[in-house]
Amino acid sequence: MIGAVVLAAGAATRYGGPKQRVFLPSVLERLRAAPVDEIVVVAGAYELETDVRVVQCSEWRRGPGASLRCGLRALAPEATHAVIVLADGPRLDPRAVARVLDHREEASAVAASYGGVRGHPVCLAREAWERVPDAGARALETQLVACDDLEPPGDVDYPA
């Protein structure tokens, strides 16, 4: 079983408000088109309403790793892997999710890369879940999967 964790807990101070509410619907639509069995959204600074399960993370201020750990704990016990995406990545390509998942047995952490630059989605095997530091999955050694032919999902920090 493959779970998906959408990180949507941050305060979005650079954006000036709850950007999660703006971009989450698009991210969820695209994630639903990907080969995942379960989706969990991690909220923190703002309450979020959506038709998927939302987990409130009281420790979100500690960093993205704290939010990620909340989301991973919320996944079904049968989940062997988790795909991690950002709520502010509105151009998430379901093909990137599938491509990363195709390589999930090759390493405990696998991430899409665009032009050689690590990006999202990231896939973590259950064995790596307890090793996620407060800095998040970006602190883990990761095998890259080239997604150069796809558009990166984006990471919107400012309204313009």
Protein backbone atom coordinates (compact mmCIF):
# COMPACT_ATOMS: atom_id res chain seq x y z
CA MET A 1 0.00 0.00 0.00
CA ILE A 2 1.28 3.44 -0.94
CA GLY A 3 0.40 6.46 1.18
CA ALA A 4 0.81 10.11 0.30
CA VAL A 5 1.58 12.95 2.70
CA VAL A 6 0.87 16.52 1.65
CA LEU A 7 2.84 19.00 3.74
CA ALA A 8 0.62 22.02 4.39
CA ALA A 9 1.54 23.06 7.93
CA GLY A 10 3.70 26.16 7.48
CA ALA A 11 2.78 29.72 8.34
CA ALA A 12 3.39 30.98 4.78
CA THR A 13 4.82 34.25 6.09
CA ARG A 14 6.56 35.15 2.81
CA TYR A 15 3.29 34.58 0.96
CA GLY A 16 1.38 36.70 3.47
CA GLY A 17 -1.40 34.25 4.30
CA PRO A 18 -2.59 30.66 4.06
CA LYS A 19 -1.33 29.74 0.61
CA GLN A 20 -2.25 26.14 1.39
CA ARG A 21 -5.90 27.02 0.91
CA VAL A 22 -5.10 28.44 -2.54
CA PHE A 23 -2.95 25.61 -3.92
CA LEU A 24 -4.09 22.49 -2.04
CA PRO A 25 -7.08 21.73 -4.31
CA SER A 26 -4.84 21.56 -7.38
CA VAL A 27 -2.24 19.44 -5.59
CA LEU A 28 -4.90 17.00 -4.39
CA GLU A 29 -6.47 16.76 -7.85
CA ARG A 30 -3.12 15.84 -9.34
CA LEU A 31 -2.24 13.46 -6.51
CA ARG A 32 -5.54 11.62 -7.00
CA ALA A 33 -4.43 10.91 -10.58
CA ALA A 34 -1.25 9.28 -9.26
CA PRO A 35 -0.85 5.65 -8.11
CA VAL A 36 -1.37 6.21 -4.37
CA ASP A 37 -3.86 4.43 -2.12
CA GLU A 38 -4.25 6.93 0.71
CA ILE A 39 -3.75 10.68 1.09
CA VAL A 40 -3.14 12.59 4.32
CA VAL A 41 -2.79 16.38 4.54
CA VAL A 42 -0.73 17.77 7.42
CA ALA A 43 -2.01 21.10 8.76
CA GLY A 44 -0.37 23.30 11.35
CA ALA A 45 -0.52 27.09 11.26
CA TYR A 46 -3.96 27.15 9.62
CA GLU A 47 -7.02 24.96 9.75
CA LEU A 48 -7.71 23.34 6.42
CA GLU A 49 -10.89 21.89 5.01
CA THR A 50 -10.73 19.29 2.29
CA ASP A 51 -12.31 16.00 1.35
CA VAL A 52 -9.22 14.01 2.41
CA ARG A 53 -8.07 13.32 5.93
CA VAL A 54 -6.36 16.27 7.61
CA VAL A 55 -3.98 15.69 10.50
CA GLN A 56 -3.27 18.66 12.75
CA CYS A 57 0.41 18.77 13.74
CA SER A 58 0.98 20.68 16.97
CA GLU A 59 4.76 20.55 16.48
CA TRP A 60 4.80 22.14 13.01
CA ARG A 61 7.00 25.04 14.21
CA ARG A 62 9.90 22.61 14.76
CA GLY A 63 10.32 22.26 11.01
CA PRO A 64 9.11 20.31 8.01
CA GLY A 65 10.40 17.07 9.51
CA ALA A 66 8.05 17.39 12.48
CA SER A 67 5.13 17.89 10.10
CA LEU A 68 6.27 14.99 7.95
CA ARG A 69 6.54 12.69 10.97
CA CYS A 70 2.94 13.61 11.93
CA GLY A 71 1.76 12.69 8.45
CA LEU A 72 3.71 9.44 8.33
CA ARG A 73 2.29 8.35 11.70
CA ALA A 74 -1.22 8.96 10.33
CA LEU A 75 -0.82 6.57 7.40
CA ALA A 76 -2.33 3.11 7.52
CA PRO A 77 -0.16 0.40 9.11
CA GLU A 78 -0.21 -1.43 5.76
CA ALA A 79 1.58 1.43 4.00
CA THR A 80 5.03 0.31 2.91
CA HIS A 81 6.00 3.60 1.27
CA ALA A 82 4.97 7.24 1.47
CA VAL A 83 5.05 9.83 -1.29
CA ILE A 84 5.70 13.31 0.07
CA VAL A 85 4.54 16.42 -1.77
CA LEU A 86 4.17 20.09 -0.91
CA ALA A 87 0.82 21.84 -0.70
CA ASP A 88 2.36 24.78 -2.57
CA GLY A 89 3.46 22.72 -5.57
CA PRO A 90 0.43 23.25 -7.81
CA ARG A 91 2.00 21.79 -10.95
CA LEU A 92 2.67 18.37 -9.43
CA ASP A 93 2.76 15.88 -12.29
CA PRO A 94 1.18 12.48 -11.52
CA ARG A 95 3.74 10.96 -13.89
CA ALA A 96 6.54 12.15 -11.59
CA VAL A 97 4.83 10.38 -8.69
CA ALA A 98 4.55 7.19 -10.74
CA ARG A 99 8.16 7.45 -11.90
CA VAL A 100 9.50 7.90 -8.37
CA LEU A 101 7.36 5.00 -7.18
CA ASP A 102 8.75 2.81 -9.96
CA HIS A 103 12.15 3.17 -8.23
CA ARG A 104 10.93 2.80 -4.63
CA GLU A 105 12.61 -0.58 -4.08
CA GLU A 106 16.04 0.77 -5.07
CA ALA A 107 16.62 2.98 -2.00
CA SER A 108 14.89 3.93 1.23
CA ALA A 109 14.53 7.50 -0.07
CA VAL A 110 13.92 8.37 -3.72
CA ALA A 111 13.24 11.84 -5.11
CA ALA A 112 12.39 13.38 -8.46
CA SER A 113 15.03 15.59 -10.00
CA TYR A 114 14.58 18.27 -12.62
CA GLY A 115 17.71 19.28 -14.51
CA GLY A 116 19.76 17.51 -11.85
CA VAL A 117 18.14 19.48 -9.00
CA ARG A 118 16.36 17.47 -6.32
CA GLY A 119 12.66 18.23 -6.01
CA HIS A 120 9.30 16.64 -5.29
CA PRO A 121 7.80 14.16 -5.09
CA VAL A 122 9.91 12.21 -2.62
CA CYS A 123 9.21 8.59 -1.73
CA LEU A 124 10.24 7.15 1.63
CA ALA A 125 10.20 3.47 2.52
CA ARG A 126 8.70 2.77 5.93
CA GLU A 127 12.17 1.87 7.23
CA ALA A 128 13.24 5.51 6.74
CA TRP A 129 10.27 7.11 8.50
CA GLU A 130 11.84 7.12 11.96
CA ARG A 131 15.04 8.72 10.61
CA VAL A 132 13.33 11.92 9.41
CA PRO A 133 14.98 14.85 11.26
CA ASP A 134 13.34 18.22 11.93
CA ALA A 135 14.95 19.53 8.72
CA GLY A 136 12.75 17.07 6.81
CA ALA A 137 13.37 14.44 4.16
CA ARG A 138 15.78 16.76 2.36
CA ALA A 139 18.32 15.85 5.07
CA LEU A 140 18.21 12.16 4.09
CA GLU A 141 20.48 10.62 1.50
CA THR A 142 18.30 10.21 -1.55
CA GLN A 143 18.49 8.43 -4.88
CA LEU A 144 17.44 10.80 -7.65
CA VAL A 145 15.07 9.84 -10.45
CA ALA A 146 15.32 12.04 -13.54
CA CYS A 147 12.08 13.82 -14.40
CA ASP A 148 13.71 16.28 -16.78
CA ASP A 149 10.98 15.80 -19.36
CA LEU A 150 8.31 16.90 -16.86
CA GLU A 151 7.53 20.30 -15.41
CA PRO A 152 8.62 20.69 -11.76
CA PRO A 153 5.71 20.98 -9.31
CA GLY A 154 6.72 24.45 -8.17
CA ASP A 155 7.19 25.80 -4.68
CA VAL A 156 5.22 29.02 -4.38
CA ASP A 157 6.63 31.37 -1.75
CA TYR A 158 5.32 34.75 -2.89
CA PRO A 159 1.92 35.82 -4.29
CA ALA A 160 3.39 37.20 -7.52
